[in-house]
């Protein structure tokens, strides 16, 4: 992934990468990114059509996902959402999504 220009491009990149990392059907995906000065830690899970909640294998995610999340932090540094250290990405099969910052 090249340098991103907007939060929307970052969201698209993160969600595309996460969807590609899951084998099988899913209904809802959660990805949590913990961001500090030195690293981006990722963990997550997803819910299957059968109602199971399974761990997301974040090892399947390319380094570009962490870099994109770091870019998002940099882009947002001068906005009212600045200062966050955790981002939680939620994607539903319907295409609805949300990103929450803590």
C-alpha atoms as a PDB file:
ATOM      1  CA  UNK A   1       0.000   0.000   0.000  1.00  0.00           C
ATOM      2  CA  UNK A   2       1.329   3.405  -0.910  1.00  0.00           C
ATOM      3  CA  UNK A   3       1.072   6.354   1.436  1.00  0.00           C
ATOM      4  CA  UNK A   4      -2.581   6.940   2.123  1.00  0.00           C
ATOM      5  CA  UNK A   5      -4.224  10.302   1.800  1.00  0.00           C
ATOM      6  CA  UNK A   6      -7.444  10.018   3.776  1.00  0.00           C
ATOM      7  CA  UNK A   7      -9.011   8.084   6.642  1.00  0.00           C
ATOM      8  CA  UNK A   8     -11.516   6.576   4.174  1.00  0.00           C
ATOM      9  CA  UNK A   9      -8.668   5.068   2.117  1.00  0.00           C
ATOM     10  CA  UNK A  10      -7.125   3.658   5.273  1.00  0.00           C
ATOM     11  CA  UNK A  11     -10.422   2.119   6.393  1.00  0.00           C
ATOM     12  CA  UNK A  12     -10.848   0.524   2.952  1.00  0.00           C
ATOM     13  CA  UNK A  13      -7.332  -0.893   3.038  1.00  0.00           C
ATOM     14  CA  UNK A  14      -7.680  -2.285   6.568  1.00  0.00           C
ATOM     15  CA  UNK A  15     -11.081  -3.840   5.911  1.00  0.00           C
ATOM     16  CA  UNK A  16     -10.005  -5.334   2.564  1.00  0.00           C
ATOM     17  CA  UNK A  17      -6.929  -6.908   4.172  1.00  0.00           C
ATOM     18  CA  UNK A  18      -8.908  -8.291   7.112  1.00  0.00           C
ATOM     19  CA  UNK A  19     -11.590  -9.773   4.858  1.00  0.00           C
ATOM     20  CA  UNK A  20      -8.925 -11.467   2.725  1.00  0.00           C
ATOM     21  CA  UNK A  21      -7.365 -13.033   5.832  1.00  0.00           C
ATOM     22  CA  UNK A  22     -10.513 -14.954   6.766  1.00  0.00           C
ATOM     23  CA  UNK A  23     -11.224 -18.353   5.278  1.00  0.00           C
ATOM     24  CA  UNK A  24     -14.938 -19.030   5.088  1.00  0.00           C
ATOM     25  CA  UNK A  25     -18.101 -17.075   5.722  1.00  0.00           C
ATOM     26  CA  UNK A  26     -18.307 -14.364   8.324  1.00  0.00           C
ATOM     27  CA  UNK A  27     -20.996 -11.990   9.577  1.00  0.00           C
ATOM     28  CA  UNK A  28     -19.041  -9.477  11.645  1.00  0.00           C
ATOM     29  CA  UNK A  29     -15.342  -8.686  12.115  1.00  0.00           C
ATOM     30  CA  UNK A  30     -13.692  -6.831  15.000  1.00  0.00           C
ATOM     31  CA  UNK A  31     -10.092  -5.631  14.783  1.00  0.00           C
ATOM     32  CA  UNK A  32      -8.431  -3.807  17.659  1.00  0.00           C
ATOM     33  CA  UNK A  33      -5.254  -1.822  17.075  1.00  0.00           C
ATOM     34  CA  UNK A  34      -3.188  -0.649  20.043  1.00  0.00           C
ATOM     35  CA  UNK A  35      -0.893   2.139  18.893  1.00  0.00           C
ATOM     36  CA  UNK A  36       2.113   3.557  20.697  1.00  0.00           C
ATOM     37  CA  UNK A  37       5.240   5.406  19.613  1.00  0.00           C
ATOM     38  CA  UNK A  38       7.071   2.210  18.702  1.00  0.00           C
ATOM     39  CA  UNK A  39       4.514  -0.275  17.423  1.00  0.00           C
ATOM     40  CA  UNK A  40       0.999  -1.229  16.405  1.00  0.00           C
ATOM     41  CA  UNK A  41      -0.429  -4.299  18.121  1.00  0.00           C
ATOM     42  CA  UNK A  42      -3.332  -6.058  16.436  1.00  0.00           C
ATOM     43  CA  UNK A  43      -5.887  -8.555  17.706  1.00  0.00           C
ATOM     44  CA  UNK A  44      -9.383  -9.407  16.663  1.00  0.00           C
ATOM     45  CA  UNK A  45     -12.147 -11.884  16.147  1.00  0.00           C
ATOM     46  CA  UNK A  46     -15.010 -12.580  13.792  1.00  0.00           C
ATOM     47  CA  UNK A  47     -18.443 -14.120  14.015  1.00  0.00           C
ATOM     48  CA  UNK A  48     -19.421 -16.849  11.578  1.00  0.00           C
ATOM     49  CA  UNK A  49     -22.798 -17.493   9.983  1.00  0.00           C
ATOM     50  CA  UNK A  50     -23.167 -20.403  12.436  1.00  0.00           C
ATOM     51  CA  UNK A  51     -22.856 -18.021  15.386  1.00  0.00           C
ATOM     52  CA  UNK A  52     -19.323 -19.012  16.398  1.00  0.00           C
ATOM     53  CA  UNK A  53     -16.814 -16.370  17.428  1.00  0.00           C
ATOM     54  CA  UNK A  54     -13.341 -17.199  16.175  1.00  0.00           C
ATOM     55  CA  UNK A  55      -9.999 -15.497  16.669  1.00  0.00           C
ATOM     56  CA  UNK A  56      -8.736 -13.453  13.749  1.00  0.00           C
ATOM     57  CA  UNK A  57      -5.296 -14.687  12.682  1.00  0.00           C
ATOM     58  CA  UNK A  58      -3.566 -11.302  12.558  1.00  0.00           C
ATOM     59  CA  UNK A  59      -0.349 -13.015  11.403  1.00  0.00           C
ATOM     60  CA  UNK A  60      -2.009 -13.244   7.985  1.00  0.00           C
ATOM     61  CA  UNK A  61      -2.208  -9.445   7.775  1.00  0.00           C
ATOM     62  CA  UNK A  62       0.444  -7.675   5.762  1.00  0.00           C
ATOM     63  CA  UNK A  63       2.662  -5.093   7.462  1.00  0.00           C
ATOM     64  CA  UNK A  64       0.853  -2.471   5.368  1.00  0.00           C
ATOM     65  CA  UNK A  65      -2.131  -2.752   7.728  1.00  0.00           C
ATOM     66  CA  UNK A  66      -0.040  -1.647  10.709  1.00  0.00           C
ATOM     67  CA  UNK A  67       1.553   1.082   8.605  1.00  0.00           C
ATOM     68  CA  UNK A  68      -1.885   2.307   7.469  1.00  0.00           C
ATOM     69  CA  UNK A  69      -3.114   2.487  11.062  1.00  0.00           C
ATOM     70  CA  UNK A  70       0.010   4.433  12.023  1.00  0.00           C
ATOM     71  CA  UNK A  71      -0.721   6.778   9.070  1.00  0.00           C
ATOM     72  CA  UNK A  72      -4.256   7.202  10.403  1.00  0.00           C
ATOM     73  CA  UNK A  73      -2.858   8.221  13.784  1.00  0.00           C
ATOM     74  CA  UNK A  74      -0.552  10.742  12.106  1.00  0.00           C
ATOM     75  CA  UNK A  75      -3.332  12.174   9.905  1.00  0.00           C
ATOM     76  CA  UNK A  76      -5.644  12.584  12.885  1.00  0.00           C
ATOM     77  CA  UNK A  77      -2.989  14.106  15.154  1.00  0.00           C
ATOM     78  CA  UNK A  78      -4.261  17.639  14.474  1.00  0.00           C
ATOM     79  CA  UNK A  79      -7.992  16.920  14.818  1.00  0.00           C
ATOM     80  CA  UNK A  80     -10.412  16.585  17.705  1.00  0.00           C
ATOM     81  CA  UNK A  81      -9.801  12.818  17.563  1.00  0.00           C
ATOM     82  CA  UNK A  82      -6.094  13.244  18.340  1.00  0.00           C
ATOM     83  CA  UNK A  83      -4.414  11.448  21.179  1.00  0.00           C
ATOM     84  CA  UNK A  84      -5.988   8.035  20.719  1.00  0.00           C
ATOM     85  CA  UNK A  85      -3.973   4.922  21.427  1.00  0.00           C
ATOM     86  CA  UNK A  86      -6.596   2.336  20.522  1.00  0.00           C
ATOM     87  CA  UNK A  87      -8.731   2.013  17.410  1.00  0.00           C
ATOM     88  CA  UNK A  88     -11.473  -0.593  17.133  1.00  0.00           C
ATOM     89  CA  UNK A  89     -12.637  -1.432  13.618  1.00  0.00           C
ATOM     90  CA  UNK A  90     -16.001  -3.142  13.127  1.00  0.00           C
ATOM     91  CA  UNK A  91     -17.136  -4.466   9.757  1.00  0.00           C
ATOM     92  CA  UNK A  92     -20.428  -6.186   9.038  1.00  0.00           C
ATOM     93  CA  UNK A  93     -21.124  -8.422   6.055  1.00  0.00           C
ATOM     94  CA  UNK A  94     -23.776  -5.908   4.917  1.00  0.00           C
ATOM     95  CA  UNK A  95     -21.008  -3.354   4.326  1.00  0.00           C
ATOM     96  CA  UNK A  96     -21.749  -1.279   7.414  1.00  0.00           C
ATOM     97  CA  UNK A  97     -18.665  -0.304   9.345  1.00  0.00           C
ATOM     98  CA  UNK A  98     -17.582   1.757  12.311  1.00  0.00           C
ATOM     99  CA  UNK A  99     -14.290   2.828  13.809  1.00  0.00           C
ATOM    100  CA  UNK A 100     -14.061   3.851  17.467  1.00  0.00           C
ATOM    101  CA  UNK A 101     -11.096   5.586  19.044  1.00  0.00           C
ATOM    102  CA  UNK A 102     -10.004   5.501  22.683  1.00  0.00           C
END
